[in-house]
N, C-alpha and C. Protein backbone atom coordinates (compact mmCIF):
# COMPACT_ATOMS: atom_id res chain seq x y z
N MET A 1 33.39 -31.21 -31.87
CA MET A 1 33.55 -31.31 -30.43
C MET A 1 33.82 -29.95 -29.81
N THR A 2 34.74 -29.17 -30.42
CA THR A 2 35.03 -27.85 -29.87
C THR A 2 33.83 -26.93 -29.98
N LYS A 3 33.01 -27.15 -31.03
CA LYS A 3 31.80 -26.34 -31.18
C LYS A 3 30.84 -26.61 -30.03
N GLY A 4 30.74 -27.88 -29.63
CA GLY A 4 29.88 -28.27 -28.51
C GLY A 4 30.36 -27.67 -27.20
N ILE A 5 31.68 -27.65 -27.01
CA ILE A 5 32.26 -27.07 -25.80
C ILE A 5 32.02 -25.56 -25.79
N SER A 6 32.16 -24.92 -26.93
CA SER A 6 31.91 -23.48 -27.03
C SER A 6 30.47 -23.14 -26.69
N ILE A 7 29.54 -23.95 -27.18
CA ILE A 7 28.12 -23.71 -26.89
C ILE A 7 27.86 -23.91 -25.40
N ALA A 8 28.41 -24.96 -24.83
CA ALA A 8 28.23 -25.23 -23.40
C ALA A 8 28.81 -24.09 -22.56
N ALA A 9 29.97 -23.59 -22.96
CA ALA A 9 30.59 -22.48 -22.24
C ALA A 9 29.74 -21.22 -22.33
N ALA A 10 29.18 -20.97 -23.52
CA ALA A 10 28.32 -19.80 -23.70
C ALA A 10 27.07 -19.89 -22.84
N VAL A 11 26.48 -21.09 -22.76
CA VAL A 11 25.30 -21.30 -21.92
C VAL A 11 25.65 -21.08 -20.45
N LEU A 12 26.80 -21.58 -20.03
CA LEU A 12 27.25 -21.42 -18.66
C LEU A 12 27.47 -19.95 -18.31
N VAL A 13 28.11 -19.21 -19.19
CA VAL A 13 28.34 -17.78 -18.99
C VAL A 13 27.01 -17.04 -18.90
N ALA A 14 26.08 -17.35 -19.78
CA ALA A 14 24.76 -16.70 -19.77
C ALA A 14 24.03 -16.99 -18.47
N ALA A 15 24.11 -18.23 -17.99
CA ALA A 15 23.45 -18.59 -16.74
C ALA A 15 24.06 -17.83 -15.56
N CYS A 16 25.38 -17.71 -15.55
CA CYS A 16 26.05 -16.97 -14.48
C CYS A 16 25.66 -15.50 -14.49
N LEU A 17 25.60 -14.91 -15.68
CA LEU A 17 25.21 -13.50 -15.79
C LEU A 17 23.78 -13.30 -15.33
N ALA A 18 22.88 -14.20 -15.69
CA ALA A 18 21.48 -14.09 -15.27
C ALA A 18 21.37 -14.22 -13.76
N TRP A 19 22.12 -15.14 -13.17
CA TRP A 19 22.09 -15.33 -11.72
C TRP A 19 22.63 -14.08 -11.02
N THR A 20 23.71 -13.52 -11.52
CA THR A 20 24.29 -12.31 -10.93
C THR A 20 23.32 -11.14 -11.03
N ALA A 21 22.68 -10.97 -12.16
CA ALA A 21 21.71 -9.88 -12.33
C ALA A 21 20.55 -10.05 -11.37
N ASN A 22 20.09 -11.28 -11.18
CA ASN A 22 18.99 -11.54 -10.26
C ASN A 22 19.41 -11.24 -8.82
N ALA A 23 20.64 -11.60 -8.45
CA ALA A 23 21.14 -11.33 -7.11
C ALA A 23 21.23 -9.83 -6.87
N GLU A 24 21.67 -9.07 -7.89
CA GLU A 24 21.76 -7.62 -7.75
C GLU A 24 20.38 -7.00 -7.57
N LYS A 25 19.38 -7.50 -8.28
CA LYS A 25 18.03 -6.98 -8.14
C LYS A 25 17.50 -7.20 -6.73
N LYS A 26 17.79 -8.37 -6.16
CA LYS A 26 17.33 -8.65 -4.80
C LYS A 26 18.00 -7.72 -3.80
N GLU A 27 19.25 -7.36 -4.00
CA GLU A 27 19.98 -6.49 -3.09
C GLU A 27 19.48 -5.05 -3.15
N GLU A 28 18.88 -4.65 -4.26
CA GLU A 28 18.44 -3.27 -4.41
C GLU A 28 17.36 -2.89 -3.40
N PHE A 29 16.51 -3.81 -2.98
CA PHE A 29 15.41 -3.52 -2.07
C PHE A 29 15.90 -3.74 -0.64
N LYS A 30 16.25 -2.65 0.03
CA LYS A 30 16.84 -2.73 1.36
C LYS A 30 15.93 -2.18 2.46
N ALA A 31 14.66 -2.01 2.17
CA ALA A 31 13.76 -1.40 3.13
C ALA A 31 13.56 -2.26 4.37
N LYS A 32 13.41 -1.57 5.51
CA LYS A 32 13.08 -2.23 6.77
C LYS A 32 11.66 -1.85 7.14
N CYS A 33 10.98 -2.77 7.75
CA CYS A 33 9.62 -2.52 8.22
C CYS A 33 9.66 -1.42 9.27
N PRO A 34 8.86 -0.35 9.13
CA PRO A 34 8.87 0.73 10.12
C PRO A 34 8.30 0.31 11.48
N ILE A 35 7.61 -0.81 11.53
CA ILE A 35 7.03 -1.30 12.78
C ILE A 35 8.03 -2.18 13.52
N SER A 36 8.53 -3.21 12.83
CA SER A 36 9.37 -4.22 13.49
C SER A 36 10.87 -4.01 13.30
N GLY A 37 11.26 -3.32 12.24
CA GLY A 37 12.68 -3.18 11.91
C GLY A 37 13.23 -4.36 11.12
N LYS A 38 12.39 -5.35 10.85
CA LYS A 38 12.80 -6.52 10.06
C LYS A 38 12.81 -6.15 8.58
N PRO A 39 13.46 -6.97 7.74
CA PRO A 39 13.43 -6.70 6.29
C PRO A 39 12.00 -6.66 5.76
N ALA A 40 11.72 -5.65 4.97
CA ALA A 40 10.37 -5.47 4.41
C ALA A 40 10.22 -6.30 3.14
N GLN A 41 8.98 -6.62 2.82
CA GLN A 41 8.64 -7.38 1.63
C GLN A 41 7.80 -6.50 0.70
N LYS A 42 8.06 -6.56 -0.58
CA LYS A 42 7.28 -5.77 -1.53
C LYS A 42 5.82 -6.20 -1.57
N SER A 43 5.54 -7.41 -1.15
CA SER A 43 4.17 -7.92 -1.19
C SER A 43 3.28 -7.38 -0.07
N SER A 44 3.87 -6.72 0.92
CA SER A 44 3.10 -6.17 2.03
C SER A 44 3.35 -4.67 2.10
N ALA A 45 2.44 -3.88 1.52
CA ALA A 45 2.65 -2.43 1.41
C ALA A 45 1.34 -1.67 1.52
N VAL A 46 1.46 -0.39 1.90
CA VAL A 46 0.31 0.52 1.90
C VAL A 46 0.71 1.81 1.20
N ASP A 47 -0.27 2.50 0.64
CA ASP A 47 -0.03 3.81 0.05
C ASP A 47 0.21 4.81 1.16
N TYR A 48 1.20 5.70 0.95
CA TYR A 48 1.56 6.68 1.97
C TYR A 48 2.23 7.87 1.30
N LYS A 49 1.66 9.03 1.46
CA LYS A 49 2.23 10.29 0.94
C LYS A 49 2.59 10.23 -0.54
N GLY A 50 1.83 9.52 -1.33
CA GLY A 50 2.11 9.42 -2.75
C GLY A 50 3.09 8.34 -3.13
N GLY A 51 3.53 7.58 -2.16
CA GLY A 51 4.43 6.46 -2.42
C GLY A 51 3.90 5.21 -1.76
N LYS A 52 4.77 4.26 -1.53
CA LYS A 52 4.38 3.03 -0.85
C LYS A 52 5.35 2.76 0.29
N VAL A 53 4.79 2.35 1.44
CA VAL A 53 5.60 1.93 2.57
C VAL A 53 5.45 0.42 2.67
N TYR A 54 6.58 -0.25 2.84
CA TYR A 54 6.63 -1.70 2.84
C TYR A 54 6.83 -2.24 4.25
N PHE A 55 6.26 -3.43 4.50
CA PHE A 55 6.28 -4.04 5.82
C PHE A 55 6.80 -5.47 5.74
N CYS A 56 7.12 -6.03 6.90
CA CYS A 56 7.68 -7.39 6.95
C CYS A 56 6.61 -8.47 6.83
N CYS A 57 5.38 -8.14 7.17
CA CYS A 57 4.32 -9.15 7.19
C CYS A 57 2.96 -8.49 6.99
N PRO A 58 1.93 -9.26 6.76
CA PRO A 58 0.59 -8.70 6.56
C PRO A 58 -0.01 -8.05 7.81
N GLY A 59 0.53 -8.32 8.98
CA GLY A 59 0.00 -7.74 10.21
C GLY A 59 0.44 -6.31 10.48
N CYS A 60 1.60 -5.93 10.02
CA CYS A 60 2.15 -4.60 10.33
C CYS A 60 1.40 -3.43 9.68
N PRO A 61 0.86 -3.55 8.47
CA PRO A 61 0.12 -2.41 7.92
C PRO A 61 -1.03 -1.95 8.81
N GLY A 62 -1.68 -2.87 9.49
CA GLY A 62 -2.76 -2.50 10.40
C GLY A 62 -2.26 -1.66 11.56
N ALA A 63 -1.13 -2.05 12.14
CA ALA A 63 -0.53 -1.28 13.23
C ALA A 63 -0.11 0.10 12.74
N PHE A 64 0.40 0.17 11.53
CA PHE A 64 0.82 1.45 10.95
C PHE A 64 -0.37 2.37 10.76
N LYS A 65 -1.44 1.84 10.19
CA LYS A 65 -2.64 2.65 9.94
C LYS A 65 -3.28 3.11 11.25
N LYS A 66 -3.16 2.31 12.29
CA LYS A 66 -3.76 2.63 13.59
C LYS A 66 -3.05 3.81 14.25
N ASP A 67 -1.73 3.92 14.07
CA ASP A 67 -0.95 4.99 14.70
C ASP A 67 0.16 5.46 13.75
N THR A 68 -0.25 6.04 12.63
CA THR A 68 0.71 6.47 11.60
C THR A 68 1.73 7.47 12.15
N ALA A 69 1.29 8.37 13.02
CA ALA A 69 2.20 9.39 13.56
C ALA A 69 3.37 8.76 14.31
N LYS A 70 3.13 7.68 15.01
CA LYS A 70 4.18 7.01 15.77
C LYS A 70 5.30 6.49 14.86
N TYR A 71 4.94 6.07 13.67
CA TYR A 71 5.89 5.45 12.74
C TYR A 71 6.26 6.35 11.56
N ALA A 72 5.82 7.59 11.58
CA ALA A 72 5.99 8.49 10.43
C ALA A 72 7.45 8.68 10.04
N ALA A 73 8.34 8.92 11.00
CA ALA A 73 9.74 9.18 10.66
C ALA A 73 10.37 7.98 9.95
N LYS A 74 10.10 6.79 10.45
CA LYS A 74 10.67 5.60 9.81
C LYS A 74 10.03 5.34 8.45
N ALA A 75 8.74 5.63 8.32
CA ALA A 75 8.08 5.48 7.02
C ALA A 75 8.63 6.50 6.03
N ASN A 76 8.82 7.74 6.48
CA ASN A 76 9.39 8.78 5.62
C ASN A 76 10.81 8.40 5.19
N HIS A 77 11.59 7.88 6.14
CA HIS A 77 12.95 7.43 5.83
C HIS A 77 12.91 6.34 4.76
N GLN A 78 11.95 5.41 4.90
CA GLN A 78 11.84 4.34 3.92
C GLN A 78 11.51 4.88 2.52
N LEU A 79 10.66 5.91 2.46
CA LEU A 79 10.36 6.53 1.16
C LEU A 79 11.64 7.05 0.50
N ALA A 80 12.52 7.66 1.30
CA ALA A 80 13.78 8.18 0.76
C ALA A 80 14.73 7.04 0.42
N LEU A 81 14.83 6.06 1.29
CA LEU A 81 15.74 4.93 1.08
C LEU A 81 15.39 4.14 -0.18
N THR A 82 14.11 4.01 -0.47
CA THR A 82 13.67 3.25 -1.64
C THR A 82 13.61 4.12 -2.90
N GLY A 83 14.03 5.38 -2.80
CA GLY A 83 14.08 6.25 -3.97
C GLY A 83 12.75 6.86 -4.36
N GLN A 84 11.74 6.70 -3.54
CA GLN A 84 10.44 7.28 -3.85
C GLN A 84 10.39 8.76 -3.49
N ALA A 85 11.20 9.17 -2.53
CA ALA A 85 11.28 10.57 -2.13
C ALA A 85 12.69 11.07 -2.40
N LYS A 86 12.78 12.29 -2.90
CA LYS A 86 14.08 12.90 -3.22
C LYS A 86 14.29 14.12 -2.33
N LEU A 87 15.52 14.30 -1.90
CA LEU A 87 15.90 15.48 -1.12
C LEU A 87 15.95 16.69 -2.05
N VAL A 88 15.20 17.74 -1.72
CA VAL A 88 15.18 18.93 -2.56
C VAL A 88 15.61 20.19 -1.81
N LYS A 89 15.50 20.17 -0.48
CA LYS A 89 15.90 21.30 0.36
C LYS A 89 16.41 20.77 1.69
N CYS A 90 17.01 21.64 2.46
CA CYS A 90 17.49 21.27 3.79
C CYS A 90 16.30 20.81 4.64
N PRO A 91 16.36 19.60 5.20
CA PRO A 91 15.23 19.14 6.00
C PRO A 91 15.07 19.89 7.32
N VAL A 92 16.12 20.53 7.79
CA VAL A 92 16.03 21.28 9.05
C VAL A 92 15.48 22.67 8.82
N ALA A 93 16.03 23.40 7.85
CA ALA A 93 15.65 24.80 7.63
C ALA A 93 14.80 25.03 6.39
N GLY A 94 14.74 24.07 5.50
CA GLY A 94 13.97 24.25 4.26
C GLY A 94 14.67 25.13 3.24
N ALA A 95 15.97 25.34 3.42
CA ALA A 95 16.74 26.22 2.53
C ALA A 95 17.49 25.41 1.47
N LYS A 96 18.16 26.14 0.55
CA LYS A 96 18.91 25.53 -0.56
C LYS A 96 20.00 24.61 -0.01
N LEU A 97 20.20 23.50 -0.70
CA LEU A 97 21.17 22.50 -0.27
C LEU A 97 22.60 22.89 -0.59
N ASN A 98 23.51 22.53 0.30
CA ASN A 98 24.95 22.69 0.11
C ASN A 98 25.54 21.28 0.05
N PRO A 99 26.00 20.83 -1.12
CA PRO A 99 26.51 19.46 -1.26
C PRO A 99 27.68 19.14 -0.33
N ASP A 100 28.40 20.16 0.13
CA ASP A 100 29.54 19.93 1.02
C ASP A 100 29.12 19.48 2.42
N THR A 101 27.82 19.52 2.72
CA THR A 101 27.34 19.15 4.05
C THR A 101 26.76 17.74 4.10
N ALA A 102 26.98 16.95 3.07
CA ALA A 102 26.37 15.62 2.97
C ALA A 102 26.81 14.67 4.08
N ILE A 103 25.84 13.94 4.61
CA ILE A 103 26.11 12.86 5.55
C ILE A 103 25.22 11.68 5.18
N ASP A 104 25.53 10.53 5.73
CA ASP A 104 24.70 9.34 5.52
C ASP A 104 23.81 9.16 6.74
N VAL A 105 22.51 9.11 6.51
CA VAL A 105 21.55 8.87 7.59
C VAL A 105 20.88 7.53 7.30
N ALA A 106 21.38 6.50 7.92
CA ALA A 106 20.83 5.14 7.79
C ALA A 106 20.64 4.75 6.32
N GLY A 107 21.68 5.00 5.51
CA GLY A 107 21.65 4.59 4.11
C GLY A 107 21.13 5.63 3.14
N VAL A 108 20.74 6.79 3.63
CA VAL A 108 20.23 7.86 2.77
C VAL A 108 21.22 9.03 2.83
N LYS A 109 21.68 9.49 1.66
CA LYS A 109 22.55 10.66 1.59
C LYS A 109 21.70 11.90 1.82
N VAL A 110 22.04 12.66 2.86
CA VAL A 110 21.28 13.87 3.20
C VAL A 110 22.23 15.05 3.24
N CYS A 111 21.87 16.12 2.55
CA CYS A 111 22.63 17.37 2.58
C CYS A 111 21.82 18.41 3.35
N PHE A 112 22.50 19.43 3.79
CA PHE A 112 21.87 20.51 4.55
C PHE A 112 22.23 21.84 3.91
N CYS A 113 21.68 22.91 4.43
CA CYS A 113 21.98 24.23 3.87
C CYS A 113 23.29 24.79 4.44
N CYS A 114 23.63 24.35 5.66
CA CYS A 114 24.80 24.93 6.32
C CYS A 114 25.38 23.96 7.34
N GLY A 115 26.52 24.33 7.87
CA GLY A 115 27.16 23.51 8.89
C GLY A 115 26.37 23.43 10.18
N GLY A 116 25.60 24.46 10.48
CA GLY A 116 24.78 24.45 11.70
C GLY A 116 23.72 23.36 11.66
N CYS A 117 23.04 23.26 10.54
CA CYS A 117 22.01 22.22 10.39
C CYS A 117 22.66 20.83 10.36
N LYS A 118 23.80 20.73 9.67
CA LYS A 118 24.52 19.46 9.65
C LYS A 118 24.95 19.09 11.06
N GLY A 119 25.40 20.08 11.83
CA GLY A 119 25.83 19.84 13.20
C GLY A 119 24.72 19.27 14.07
N LYS A 120 23.52 19.77 13.90
CA LYS A 120 22.37 19.24 14.65
C LYS A 120 22.18 17.76 14.34
N ALA A 121 22.34 17.41 13.08
CA ALA A 121 22.14 16.02 12.66
C ALA A 121 23.25 15.09 13.13
N THR A 122 24.48 15.59 13.18
CA THR A 122 25.60 14.73 13.57
C THR A 122 25.72 14.59 15.09
N LYS A 123 25.00 15.40 15.84
CA LYS A 123 25.03 15.27 17.31
C LYS A 123 24.22 14.07 17.80
N VAL A 124 23.36 13.54 16.95
CA VAL A 124 22.55 12.38 17.32
C VAL A 124 22.83 11.24 16.34
N SER A 125 22.38 10.05 16.68
CA SER A 125 22.60 8.91 15.79
C SER A 125 21.44 7.93 15.91
N GLY A 126 21.45 6.93 15.04
CA GLY A 126 20.44 5.88 15.08
C GLY A 126 19.03 6.40 14.91
N ASP A 127 18.12 5.89 15.73
CA ASP A 127 16.71 6.27 15.64
C ASP A 127 16.49 7.76 15.92
N GLU A 128 17.32 8.35 16.80
CA GLU A 128 17.20 9.79 17.07
C GLU A 128 17.49 10.61 15.82
N GLN A 129 18.49 10.19 15.07
CA GLN A 129 18.85 10.89 13.83
C GLN A 129 17.74 10.73 12.78
N ILE A 130 17.19 9.54 12.68
CA ILE A 130 16.07 9.31 11.75
C ILE A 130 14.89 10.19 12.14
N GLU A 131 14.59 10.26 13.43
CA GLU A 131 13.47 11.08 13.91
C GLU A 131 13.72 12.56 13.61
N LEU A 132 14.94 13.04 13.78
CA LEU A 132 15.27 14.44 13.52
C LEU A 132 15.15 14.79 12.03
N ILE A 133 15.68 13.96 11.17
CA ILE A 133 15.76 14.26 9.74
C ILE A 133 14.50 13.87 8.97
N PHE A 134 13.78 12.87 9.46
CA PHE A 134 12.63 12.36 8.70
C PHE A 134 11.28 12.52 9.41
N ASN A 135 11.23 13.31 10.49
CA ASN A 135 9.92 13.56 11.10
C ASN A 135 9.06 14.30 10.07
N ASP A 136 7.76 14.36 10.30
CA ASP A 136 6.86 14.92 9.29
C ASP A 136 7.22 16.35 8.89
N LYS A 137 7.61 17.19 9.86
CA LYS A 137 7.95 18.58 9.54
C LYS A 137 9.22 18.64 8.68
N ALA A 138 10.25 17.92 9.09
CA ALA A 138 11.51 17.91 8.34
C ALA A 138 11.31 17.30 6.95
N PHE A 139 10.50 16.26 6.88
CA PHE A 139 10.23 15.62 5.60
C PHE A 139 9.52 16.58 4.65
N ALA A 140 8.56 17.33 5.18
CA ALA A 140 7.84 18.32 4.36
C ALA A 140 8.78 19.45 3.93
N ASN A 141 9.72 19.83 4.81
CA ASN A 141 10.70 20.88 4.49
C ASN A 141 11.64 20.46 3.36
N GLY A 142 12.12 19.22 3.41
CA GLY A 142 13.23 18.86 2.55
C GLY A 142 13.02 17.83 1.47
N PHE A 143 11.93 17.08 1.52
CA PHE A 143 11.77 15.97 0.58
C PHE A 143 10.53 16.13 -0.28
N LYS A 144 10.61 15.55 -1.46
CA LYS A 144 9.46 15.53 -2.36
C LYS A 144 9.31 14.10 -2.88
N VAL A 145 8.10 13.58 -2.75
CA VAL A 145 7.83 12.24 -3.25
C VAL A 145 7.62 12.33 -4.75
N ALA A 146 8.37 11.50 -5.48
CA ALA A 146 8.27 11.49 -6.94
C ALA A 146 6.87 11.03 -7.35
N GLU A 147 6.33 11.67 -8.37
CA GLU A 147 5.01 11.28 -8.86
C GLU A 147 5.08 9.90 -9.48
N ALA A 148 4.07 9.11 -9.22
CA ALA A 148 4.02 7.76 -9.78
C ALA A 148 3.95 7.84 -11.30
N LYS A 149 4.67 6.95 -11.96
CA LYS A 149 4.66 6.92 -13.42
C LYS A 149 3.31 6.39 -13.90
N LYS A 150 2.78 7.03 -14.91
CA LYS A 150 1.51 6.58 -15.47
C LYS A 150 1.72 5.26 -16.20
N LYS A 151 0.78 4.36 -15.99
CA LYS A 151 0.86 3.06 -16.66
C LYS A 151 0.49 3.23 -18.13
N GLU A 152 1.30 2.60 -18.98
CA GLU A 152 1.03 2.65 -20.42
C GLU A 152 0.00 1.58 -20.76
N LYS A 153 -0.90 1.93 -21.68
CA LYS A 153 -1.93 0.97 -22.09
C LYS A 153 -1.41 0.05 -23.15
């Protein structure tokens, strides 16, 4: 009888661990659609700057492709938020990063080269801050999209 209870308890623990791991995996994907601002889905994506930009529905990729420049800052931000792009230099000046200047920009840790560049970023917030730090020029200055891993045969 105790052996049966032990087995049942082990199965219950395993089920709880599997459920928790699955919940954590779902939480990892926090991207927002650059068009609507709604939660993005992995099933609706387009290739962009060597990575993938995710959308809330099948209709948004068409709007993005039609006017990519309009949505570039939010798409660039999403590349960083999803870990596809890494900060390598100051996005404002393109200079070496100073870890003491780190701030959070809509869920992305961003460092700058100096207090002056950090000051520019902290003077604005919300969409203005995303536009300042993730516009195409700043993104080219400071971020590098990680190369896609080669698929193993």
